[in-house]
Amino acid sequence: MPAYVLVDAEVYDHEAADRYRVLAEESIARYGGRYLIQGTVPEAAEGGWPAGRVVTTLEFPDMARLREWHTSPEYARAAAVRAGAIDVRMLFAEGTAA
């Protein structure tokens, strides 16, 4: 069953964020993940959305692979670059089989 990473983020340092993105993209691909949405300002259909925040959605083959990526040394390097440059809230969710 596919598993998803839902990210809500605000960028404070765009140069560091660019370095993070390169490292993160490489680690995501290495663990079988792919971007469905990358750093997009969403349209709030109901409720509100804080100015300056973006959303990203990743898909992995399953939750085990997603967790393997999230705890990997490759992603740890990316997360170290991200520290202080991007405020991130990250959620994991399993999808449903259609």
PDB file of N, CA and C in Angstrom:
ATOM      1  N   MET A   1       0.844  -1.170   0.000  1.00  0.00           N
ATOM      2  CA  MET A   1       0.000   0.000   0.000  1.00  0.00           C
ATOM      3  C   MET A   1       0.895   1.241   0.000  1.00  0.00           C
ATOM      4  N   PRO A   2       0.641   2.207  -0.878  1.00  0.00           N
ATOM      5  CA  PRO A   2       1.486   3.395  -0.920  1.00  0.00           C
ATOM      6  C   PRO A   2       1.408   4.193   0.386  1.00  0.00           C
ATOM      7  N   ALA A   3       2.471   4.913   0.645  1.00  0.00           N
ATOM      8  CA  ALA A   3       2.531   5.773   1.830  1.00  0.00           C
ATOM      9  C   ALA A   3       2.948   7.167   1.387  1.00  0.00           C
ATOM     10  N   TYR A   4       2.442   8.156   2.096  1.00  0.00           N
ATOM     11  CA  TYR A   4       2.631   9.541   1.694  1.00  0.00           C
ATOM     12  C   TYR A   4       3.258  10.366   2.803  1.00  0.00           C
ATOM     13  N   VAL A   5       4.049  11.343   2.383  1.00  0.00           N
ATOM     14  CA  VAL A   5       4.599  12.349   3.276  1.00  0.00           C
ATOM     15  C   VAL A   5       3.906  13.657   2.907  1.00  0.00           C
ATOM     16  N   LEU A   6       3.257  14.259   3.885  1.00  0.00           N
ATOM     17  CA  LEU A   6       2.584  15.544   3.691  1.00  0.00           C
ATOM     18  C   LEU A   6       3.400  16.586   4.438  1.00  0.00           C
ATOM     19  N   VAL A   7       3.839  17.611   3.729  1.00  0.00           N
ATOM     20  CA  VAL A   7       4.727  18.614   4.310  1.00  0.00           C
ATOM     21  C   VAL A   7       4.100  19.999   4.186  1.00  0.00           C
ATOM     22  N   ASP A   8       4.147  20.732   5.276  1.00  0.00           N
ATOM     23  CA  ASP A   8       3.749  22.137   5.347  1.00  0.00           C
ATOM     24  C   ASP A   8       5.019  22.875   5.748  1.00  0.00           C
ATOM     25  N   ALA A   9       5.465  23.826   4.938  1.00  0.00           N
ATOM     26  CA  ALA A   9       6.764  24.454   5.197  1.00  0.00           C
ATOM     27  C   ALA A   9       6.754  25.951   4.932  1.00  0.00           C
ATOM     28  N   GLU A  10       7.659  26.630   5.631  1.00  0.00           N
ATOM     29  CA  GLU A  10       7.923  28.043   5.372  1.00  0.00           C
ATOM     30  C   GLU A  10       9.433  28.213   5.252  1.00  0.00           C
ATOM     31  N   VAL A  11       9.862  28.822   4.152  1.00  0.00           N
ATOM     32  CA  VAL A  11      11.285  29.009   3.870  1.00  0.00           C
ATOM     33  C   VAL A  11      11.749  30.341   4.446  1.00  0.00           C
ATOM     34  N   TYR A  12      12.844  30.286   5.211  1.00  0.00           N
ATOM     35  CA  TYR A  12      13.462  31.491   5.775  1.00  0.00           C
ATOM     36  C   TYR A  12      14.748  31.853   5.041  1.00  0.00           C
ATOM     37  N   ASP A  13      15.455  30.858   4.526  1.00  0.00           N
ATOM     38  CA  ASP A  13      16.741  31.061   3.861  1.00  0.00           C
ATOM     39  C   ASP A  13      16.678  30.318   2.525  1.00  0.00           C
ATOM     40  N   HIS A  14      16.478  31.058   1.447  1.00  0.00           N
ATOM     41  CA  HIS A  14      16.265  30.436   0.137  1.00  0.00           C
ATOM     42  C   HIS A  14      17.513  29.741  -0.406  1.00  0.00           C
ATOM     43  N   GLU A  15      18.685  30.260  -0.108  1.00  0.00           N
ATOM     44  CA  GLU A  15      19.919  29.620  -0.566  1.00  0.00           C
ATOM     45  C   GLU A  15      20.098  28.245   0.092  1.00  0.00           C
ATOM     46  N   ALA A  16      19.907  28.187   1.397  1.00  0.00           N
ATOM     47  CA  ALA A  16      19.997  26.903   2.104  1.00  0.00           C
ATOM     48  C   ALA A  16      18.877  25.971   1.656  1.00  0.00           C
ATOM     49  N   ALA A  17      17.696  26.530   1.402  1.00  0.00           N
ATOM     50  CA  ALA A  17      16.574  25.715   0.943  1.00  0.00           C
ATOM     51  C   ALA A  17      16.883  25.060  -0.397  1.00  0.00           C
ATOM     52  N   ASP A  18      17.570  25.778  -1.277  1.00  0.00           N
ATOM     53  CA  ASP A  18      17.951  25.193  -2.565  1.00  0.00           C
ATOM     54  C   ASP A  18      18.923  24.031  -2.375  1.00  0.00           C
ATOM     55  N   ARG A  19      19.881  24.186  -1.468  1.00  0.00           N
ATOM     56  CA  ARG A  19      20.821  23.083  -1.180  1.00  0.00           C
ATOM     57  C   ARG A  19      20.065  21.892  -0.587  1.00  0.00           C
ATOM     58  N   TYR A  20      19.136  22.173   0.325  1.00  0.00           N
ATOM     59  CA  TYR A  20      18.314  21.112   0.927  1.00  0.00           C
ATOM     60  C   TYR A  20      17.546  20.355  -0.157  1.00  0.00           C
ATOM     61  N   ARG A  21      16.919  21.081  -1.065  1.00  0.00           N
ATOM     62  CA  ARG A  21      16.108  20.436  -2.098  1.00  0.00           C
ATOM     63  C   ARG A  21      16.927  19.447  -2.928  1.00  0.00           C
ATOM     64  N   VAL A  22      18.142  19.823  -3.293  1.00  0.00           N
ATOM     65  CA  VAL A  22      18.992  18.935  -4.088  1.00  0.00           C
ATOM     66  C   VAL A  22      19.270  17.646  -3.311  1.00  0.00           C
ATOM     67  N   LEU A  23      19.681  17.787  -2.060  1.00  0.00           N
ATOM     68  CA  LEU A  23      19.978  16.608  -1.237  1.00  0.00           C
ATOM     69  C   LEU A  23      18.721  15.780  -0.973  1.00  0.00           C
ATOM     70  N   ALA A  24      17.618  16.445  -0.668  1.00  0.00           N
ATOM     71  CA  ALA A  24      16.371  15.735  -0.391  1.00  0.00           C
ATOM     72  C   ALA A  24      15.889  14.977  -1.619  1.00  0.00           C
ATOM     73  N   GLU A  25      15.914  15.626  -2.778  1.00  0.00           N
ATOM     74  CA  GLU A  25      15.460  14.966  -4.006  1.00  0.00           C
ATOM     75  C   GLU A  25      16.260  13.696  -4.281  1.00  0.00           C
ATOM     76  N   GLU A  26      17.573  13.769  -4.108  1.00  0.00           N
ATOM     77  CA  GLU A  26      18.414  12.590  -4.326  1.00  0.00           C
ATOM     78  C   GLU A  26      18.057  11.475  -3.348  1.00  0.00           C
ATOM     79  N   SER A  27      17.843  11.824  -2.086  1.00  0.00           N
ATOM     80  CA  SER A  27      17.529  10.790  -1.091  1.00  0.00           C
ATOM     81  C   SER A  27      16.152  10.193  -1.342  1.00  0.00           C
ATOM     82  N   ILE A  28      15.203  11.010  -1.706  1.00  0.00           N
ATOM     83  CA  ILE A  28      13.838  10.529  -1.971  1.00  0.00           C
ATOM     84  C   ILE A  28      13.853   9.518  -3.120  1.00  0.00           C
ATOM     85  N   ALA A  29      14.510   9.870  -4.215  1.00  0.00           N
ATOM     86  CA  ALA A  29      14.580   8.966  -5.370  1.00  0.00           C
ATOM     87  C   ALA A  29      15.290   7.663  -5.009  1.00  0.00           C
ATOM     88  N   ARG A  30      16.349   7.764  -4.216  1.00  0.00           N
ATOM     89  CA  ARG A  30      17.112   6.563  -3.834  1.00  0.00           C
ATOM     90  C   ARG A  30      16.248   5.551  -3.078  1.00  0.00           C
ATOM     91  N   TYR A  31      15.264   6.035  -2.333  1.00  0.00           N
ATOM     92  CA  TYR A  31      14.411   5.147  -1.536  1.00  0.00           C
ATOM     93  C   TYR A  31      13.057   4.889  -2.188  1.00  0.00           C
ATOM     94  N   GLY A  32      12.969   5.151  -3.483  1.00  0.00           N
ATOM     95  CA  GLY A  32      11.767   4.795  -4.229  1.00  0.00           C
ATOM     96  C   GLY A  32      10.637   5.791  -4.114  1.00  0.00           C
ATOM     97  N   GLY A  33      10.929   6.980  -3.620  1.00  0.00           N
ATOM     98  CA  GLY A  33       9.888   7.996  -3.489  1.00  0.00           C
ATOM     99  C   GLY A  33       9.820   8.898  -4.701  1.00  0.00           C
ATOM    100  N   ARG A  34       8.727   9.622  -4.780  1.00  0.00           N
ATOM    101  CA  ARG A  34       8.572  10.594  -5.859  1.00  0.00           C
ATOM    102  C   ARG A  34       7.698  11.746  -5.378  1.00  0.00           C
ATOM    103  N   TYR A  35       7.924  12.889  -5.970  1.00  0.00           N
ATOM    104  CA  TYR A  35       7.115  14.068  -5.646  1.00  0.00           C
ATOM    105  C   TYR A  35       5.791  13.998  -6.384  1.00  0.00           C
ATOM    106  N   LEU A  36       4.711  14.277  -5.675  1.00  0.00           N
ATOM    107  CA  LEU A  36       3.412  14.485  -6.306  1.00  0.00           C
ATOM    108  C   LEU A  36       3.137  15.983  -6.374  1.00  0.00           C
ATOM    109  N   ILE A  37       3.536  16.702  -5.336  1.00  0.00           N
ATOM    110  CA  ILE A  37       3.432  18.163  -5.265  1.00  0.00           C
ATOM    111  C   ILE A  37       4.736  18.641  -4.646  1.00  0.00           C
ATOM    112  N   GLN A  38       5.331  19.688  -5.220  1.00  0.00           N
ATOM    113  CA  GLN A  38       6.610  20.156  -4.682  1.00  0.00           C
ATOM    114  C   GLN A  38       6.588  21.666  -4.457  1.00  0.00           C
ATOM    115  N   GLY A  39       6.576  22.047  -3.181  1.00  0.00           N
ATOM    116  CA  GLY A  39       6.733  23.436  -2.791  1.00  0.00           C
ATOM    117  C   GLY A  39       5.751  24.405  -3.412  1.00  0.00           C
ATOM    118  N   THR A  40       4.483  24.064  -3.389  1.00  0.00           N
ATOM    119  CA  THR A  40       3.443  24.868  -4.017  1.00  0.00           C
ATOM    120  C   THR A  40       2.616  25.603  -2.968  1.00  0.00           C
ATOM    121  N   VAL A  41       2.269  26.862  -3.270  1.00  0.00           N
ATOM    122  CA  VAL A  41       1.344  27.603  -2.412  1.00  0.00           C
ATOM    123  C   VAL A  41      -0.058  27.090  -2.749  1.00  0.00           C
ATOM    124  N   PRO A  42      -0.749  26.504  -1.779  1.00  0.00           N
ATOM    125  CA  PRO A  42      -2.073  25.942  -2.080  1.00  0.00           C
ATOM    126  C   PRO A  42      -3.153  27.014  -2.130  1.00  0.00           C
ATOM    127  N   GLU A  43      -4.245  26.669  -2.774  1.00  0.00           N
ATOM    128  CA  GLU A  43      -5.436  27.510  -2.774  1.00  0.00           C
ATOM    129  C   GLU A  43      -6.327  27.014  -1.642  1.00  0.00           C
ATOM    130  N   ALA A  44      -6.640  27.882  -0.708  1.00  0.00           N
ATOM    131  CA  ALA A  44      -7.486  27.493   0.422  1.00  0.00           C
ATOM    132  C   ALA A  44      -8.948  27.493  -0.024  1.00  0.00           C
ATOM    133  N   ALA A  45      -9.535  26.308  -0.137  1.00  0.00           N
ATOM    134  CA  ALA A  45     -10.929  26.177  -0.550  1.00  0.00           C
ATOM    135  C   ALA A  45     -11.873  26.385   0.627  1.00  0.00           C
ATOM    136  N   GLU A  46     -11.443  25.981   1.819  1.00  0.00           N
ATOM    137  CA  GLU A  46     -12.203  26.174   3.055  1.00  0.00           C
ATOM    138  C   GLU A  46     -11.198  26.504   4.148  1.00  0.00           C
ATOM    139  N   GLY A  47     -11.570  27.367   5.038  1.00  0.00           N
ATOM    140  CA  GLY A  47     -10.637  27.780   6.073  1.00  0.00           C
ATOM    141  C   GLY A  47      -9.590  28.708   5.468  1.00  0.00           C
ATOM    142  N   GLY A  48      -8.456  28.786   6.107  1.00  0.00           N
ATOM    143  CA  GLY A  48      -7.412  29.675   5.612  1.00  0.00           C
ATOM    144  C   GLY A  48      -6.092  28.961   5.501  1.00  0.00           C
ATOM    145  N   TRP A  49      -5.127  29.642   4.919  1.00  0.00           N
ATOM    146  CA  TRP A  49      -3.774  29.113   4.809  1.00  0.00           C
ATOM    147  C   TRP A  49      -2.823  30.254   5.125  1.00  0.00           C
ATOM    148  N   PRO A  50      -1.862  30.025   6.023  1.00  0.00           N
ATOM    149  CA  PRO A  50      -0.935  31.091   6.394  1.00  0.00           C
ATOM    150  C   PRO A  50      -0.090  31.565   5.206  1.00  0.00           C
ATOM    151  N   ALA A  51       0.041  32.858   5.068  1.00  0.00           N
ATOM    152  CA  ALA A  51       0.864  33.434   3.998  1.00  0.00           C
ATOM    153  C   ALA A  51       2.299  32.930   4.132  1.00  0.00           C
ATOM    154  N   GLY A  52       2.928  32.662   3.003  1.00  0.00           N
ATOM    155  CA  GLY A  52       4.325  32.263   2.994  1.00  0.00           C
ATOM    156  C   GLY A  52       4.580  30.780   3.183  1.00  0.00           C
ATOM    157  N   ARG A  53       3.547  29.987   3.392  1.00  0.00           N
ATOM    158  CA  ARG A  53       3.739  28.549   3.606  1.00  0.00           C
ATOM    159  C   ARG A  53       3.411  27.790   2.319  1.00  0.00           C
ATOM    160  N   VAL A  54       4.161  26.714   2.088  1.00  0.00           N
ATOM    161  CA  VAL A  54       3.977  25.886   0.903  1.00  0.00           C
ATOM    162  C   VAL A  54       3.696  24.444   1.318  1.00  0.00           C
ATOM    163  N   VAL A  55       3.192  23.668   0.378  1.00  0.00           N
ATOM    164  CA  VAL A  55       2.942  22.256   0.628  1.00  0.00           C
ATOM    165  C   VAL A  55       3.748  21.403  -0.345  1.00  0.00           C
ATOM    166  N   THR A  56       4.134  20.232   0.148  1.00  0.00           N
ATOM    167  CA  THR A  56       4.797  19.219  -0.661  1.00  0.00           C
ATOM    168  C   THR A  56       4.183  17.885  -0.295  1.00  0.00           C
ATOM    169  N   THR A  57       3.985  17.042  -1.281  1.00  0.00           N
ATOM    170  CA  THR A  57       3.489  15.690  -1.049  1.00  0.00           C
ATOM    171  C   THR A  57       4.402  14.705  -1.771  1.00  0.00           C
ATOM    172  N   LEU A  58       4.860  13.717  -1.021  1.00  0.00           N
ATOM    173  CA  LEU A  58       5.711  12.660  -1.573  1.00  0.00           C
ATOM    174  C   LEU A  58       4.962  11.335  -1.511  1.00  0.00           C
ATOM    175  N   GLU A  59       5.261  10.455  -2.434  1.00  0.00           N
ATOM    176  CA  GLU A  59       4.691   9.105  -2.422  1.00  0.00           C
ATOM    177  C   GLU A  59       5.827   8.095  -2.392  1.00  0.00           C
ATOM    178  N   PHE A  60       5.696   7.109  -1.511  1.00  0.00           N
ATOM    179  CA  PHE A  60       6.641   5.997  -1.414  1.00  0.00           C
ATOM    180  C   PHE A  60       5.869   4.701  -1.629  1.00  0.00           C
ATOM    181  N   PRO A  61       6.560   3.628  -2.015  1.00  0.00           N
ATOM    182  CA  PRO A  61       5.869   2.359  -2.266  1.00  0.00           C
ATOM    183  C   PRO A  61       5.089   1.840  -1.060  1.00  0.00           C
ATOM    184  N   ASP A  62       5.631   2.059   0.136  1.00  0.00           N
ATOM    185  CA  ASP A  62       4.948   1.607   1.348  1.00  0.00           C
ATOM    186  C   ASP A  62       5.541   2.338   2.556  1.00  0.00           C
ATOM    187  N   MET A  63       4.915   2.162   3.703  1.00  0.00           N
ATOM    188  CA  MET A  63       5.336   2.872   4.911  1.00  0.00           C
ATOM    189  C   MET A  63       6.737   2.445   5.355  1.00  0.00           C
ATOM    190  N   ALA A  64       7.070   1.173   5.176  1.00  0.00           N
ATOM    191  CA  ALA A  64       8.404   0.710   5.573  1.00  0.00           C
ATOM    192  C   ALA A  64       9.480   1.448   4.781  1.00  0.00           C
ATOM    193  N   ARG A  65       9.279   1.603   3.494  1.00  0.00           N
ATOM    194  CA  ARG A  65      10.261   2.292   2.653  1.00  0.00           C
ATOM    195  C   ARG A  65      10.308   3.780   2.996  1.00  0.00           C
ATOM    196  N   LEU A  66       9.161   4.373   3.260  1.00  0.00           N
ATOM    197  CA  LEU A  66       9.115   5.772   3.676  1.00  0.00           C
ATOM    198  C   LEU A  66       9.919   5.978   4.946  1.00  0.00           C
ATOM    199  N   ARG A  67       9.722   5.136   5.925  1.00  0.00           N
ATOM    200  CA  ARG A  67      10.456   5.258   7.198  1.00  0.00           C
ATOM    201  C   ARG A  67      11.949   4.999   7.006  1.00  0.00           C
ATOM    202  N   GLU A  68      12.280   4.075   6.120  1.00  0.00           N
ATOM    203  CA  GLU A  68      13.688   3.810   5.822  1.00  0.00           C
ATOM    204  C   GLU A  68      14.338   5.082   5.252  1.00  0.00           C
ATOM    205  N   TRP A  69      13.635   5.753   4.330  1.00  0.00           N
ATOM    206  CA  TRP A  69      14.131   7.021   3.791  1.00  0.00           C
ATOM    207  C   TRP A  69      14.293   8.058   4.899  1.00  0.00           C
ATOM    208  N   HIS A  70      13.260   8.221   5.717  1.00  0.00           N
ATOM    209  CA  HIS A  70      13.254   9.287   6.732  1.00  0.00           C
ATOM    210  C   HIS A  70      14.364   9.126   7.758  1.00  0.00           C
ATOM    211  N   THR A  71      14.789   7.900   8.018  1.00  0.00           N
ATOM    212  CA  THR A  71      15.855   7.654   8.993  1.00  0.00           C
ATOM    213  C   THR A  71      17.209   7.390   8.325  1.00  0.00           C
ATOM    214  N   SER A  72      17.281   7.596   7.013  1.00  0.00           N
ATOM    215  CA  SER A  72      18.505   7.288   6.270  1.00  0.00           C
ATOM    216  C   SER A  72      19.588   8.344   6.495  1.00  0.00           C
ATOM    217  N   PRO A  73      20.850   7.953   6.324  1.00  0.00           N
ATOM    218  CA  PRO A  73      21.941   8.927   6.407  1.00  0.00           C
ATOM    219  C   PRO A  73      21.850   9.985   5.309  1.00  0.00           C
ATOM    220  N   GLU A  74      21.327   9.599   4.147  1.00  0.00           N
ATOM    221  CA  GLU A  74      21.182  10.555   3.046  1.00  0.00           C
ATOM    222  C   GLU A  74      20.201  11.668   3.420  1.00  0.00           C
ATOM    223  N   TYR A  75      19.066  11.282   3.996  1.00  0.00           N
ATOM    224  CA  TYR A  75      18.095  12.308   4.376  1.00  0.00           C
ATOM    225  C   TYR A  75      18.581  13.096   5.594  1.00  0.00           C
ATOM    226  N   ALA A  76      19.335  12.464   6.472  1.00  0.00           N
ATOM    227  CA  ALA A  76      19.886  13.180   7.636  1.00  0.00           C
ATOM    228  C   ALA A  76      20.773  14.333   7.177  1.00  0.00           C
ATOM    229  N   ARG A  77      21.549  14.124   6.118  1.00  0.00           N
ATOM    230  CA  ARG A  77      22.389  15.205   5.586  1.00  0.00           C
ATOM    231  C   ARG A  77      21.517  16.352   5.070  1.00  0.00           C
ATOM    232  N   ALA A  78      20.450  16.013   4.373  1.00  0.00           N
ATOM    233  CA  ALA A  78      19.532  17.042   3.872  1.00  0.00           C
ATOM    234  C   ALA A  78      18.881  17.792   5.030  1.00  0.00           C
ATOM    235  N   ALA A  79      18.412  17.057   6.029  1.00  0.00           N
ATOM    236  CA  ALA A  79      17.745  17.679   7.175  1.00  0.00           C
ATOM    237  C   ALA A  79      18.687  18.606   7.939  1.00  0.00           C
ATOM    238  N   ALA A  80      19.973  18.271   7.993  1.00  0.00           N
ATOM    239  CA  ALA A  80      20.950  19.129   8.669  1.00  0.00           C
ATOM    240  C   ALA A  80      21.078  20.463   7.932  1.00  0.00           C
ATOM    241  N   VAL A  81      21.037  20.439   6.614  1.00  0.00           N
ATOM    242  CA  VAL A  81      21.093  21.671   5.817  1.00  0.00           C
ATOM    243  C   VAL A  81      19.814  22.482   6.015  1.00  0.00           C
ATOM    244  N   ARG A  82      18.697  21.801   6.151  1.00  0.00           N
ATOM    245  CA  ARG A  82      17.394  22.448   6.312  1.00  0.00           C
ATOM    246  C   ARG A  82      17.247  23.157   7.655  1.00  0.00           C
ATOM    247  N   ALA A  83      17.916  22.675   8.685  1.00  0.00           N
ATOM    248  CA  ALA A  83      17.762  23.206  10.044  1.00  0.00           C
ATOM    249  C   ALA A  83      17.973  24.717  10.060  1.00  0.00           C
ATOM    250  N   GLY A  84      16.979  25.433  10.538  1.00  0.00           N
ATOM    251  CA  GLY A  84      17.043  26.883  10.636  1.00  0.00           C
ATOM    252  C   GLY A  84      16.699  27.609   9.352  1.00  0.00           C
ATOM    253  N   ALA A  85      16.687  26.906   8.235  1.00  0.00           N
ATOM    254  CA  ALA A  85      16.393  27.530   6.943  1.00  0.00           C
ATOM    255  C   ALA A  85      14.936  27.367   6.529  1.00  0.00           C
ATOM    256  N   ILE A  86      14.328  26.273   6.990  1.00  0.00           N
ATOM    257  CA  ILE A  86      12.944  25.969   6.620  1.00  0.00           C
ATOM    258  C   ILE A  86      12.226  25.441   7.851  1.00  0.00           C
ATOM    259  N   ASP A  87      11.073  26.032   8.148  1.00  0.00           N
ATOM    260  CA  ASP A  87      10.212  25.500   9.209  1.00  0.00           C
ATOM    261  C   ASP A  87       9.330  24.439   8.573  1.00  0.00           C
ATOM    262  N   VAL A  88       9.364  23.223   9.107  1.00  0.00           N
ATOM    263  CA  VAL A  88       8.663  22.096   8.490  1.00  0.00           C
ATOM    264  C   VAL A  88       7.753  21.404   9.492  1.00  0.00           C
ATOM    265  N   ARG A  89       6.550  21.108   9.024  1.00  0.00           N
ATOM    266  CA  ARG A  89       5.658  20.162   9.711  1.00  0.00           C
ATOM    267  C   ARG A  89       5.474  19.014   8.724  1.00  0.00           C
ATOM    268  N   MET A  90       5.696  17.783   9.189  1.00  0.00           N
ATOM    269  CA  MET A  90       5.687  16.620   8.309  1.00  0.00           C
ATOM    270  C   MET A  90       4.778  15.546   8.896  1.00  0.00           C
ATOM    271  N   LEU A  91       3.915  15.008   8.047  1.00  0.00           N
ATOM    272  CA  LEU A  91       2.999  13.941   8.433  1.00  0.00           C
ATOM    273  C   LEU A  91       3.206  12.747   7.524  1.00  0.00           C
ATOM    274  N   PHE A  92       3.056  11.549   8.082  1.00  0.00           N
ATOM    275  CA  PHE A  92       3.077  10.317   7.291  1.00  0.00           C
ATOM    276  C   PHE A  92       1.665   9.736   7.278  1.00  0.00           C
ATOM    277  N   ALA A  93       1.236   9.234   6.122  1.00  0.00           N
ATOM    278  CA  ALA A  93      -0.094   8.621   6.017  1.00  0.00           C
ATOM    279  C   ALA A  93      -0.062   7.514   4.987  1.00  0.00           C
ATOM    280  N   GLU A  94      -0.690   6.387   5.336  1.00  0.00           N
ATOM    281  CA  GLU A  94      -0.830   5.314   4.362  1.00  0.00           C
ATOM    282  C   GLU A  94      -2.000   5.628   3.447  1.00  0.00           C
ATOM    283  N   GLY A  95      -1.831   5.253   2.186  1.00  0.00           N
ATOM    284  CA  GLY A  95      -2.907   5.423   1.226  1.00  0.00           C
ATOM    285  C   GLY A  95      -3.832   4.225   1.297  1.00  0.00           C
ATOM    286  N   THR A  96      -4.846   4.274   0.491  1.00  0.00           N
ATOM    287  CA  THR A  96      -5.768   3.146   0.418  1.00  0.00           C
ATOM    288  C   THR A  96      -5.700   2.549  -0.982  1.00  0.00           C
ATOM    289  N   ALA A  97      -5.834   1.260  -1.054  1.00  0.00           N
ATOM    290  CA  ALA A  97      -5.845   0.588  -2.352  1.00  0.00           C
ATOM    291  C   ALA A  97      -7.184   0.839  -3.023  1.00  0.00           C
ATOM    292  N   ALA A  98      -7.151   1.167  -4.286  1.00  0.00           N
ATOM    293  CA  ALA A  98      -8.391   1.461  -5.026  1.00  0.00           C
ATOM    294  C   ALA A  98      -9.018   0.186  -5.537  1.00  0.00           C
TER     295      ALA A  98
END
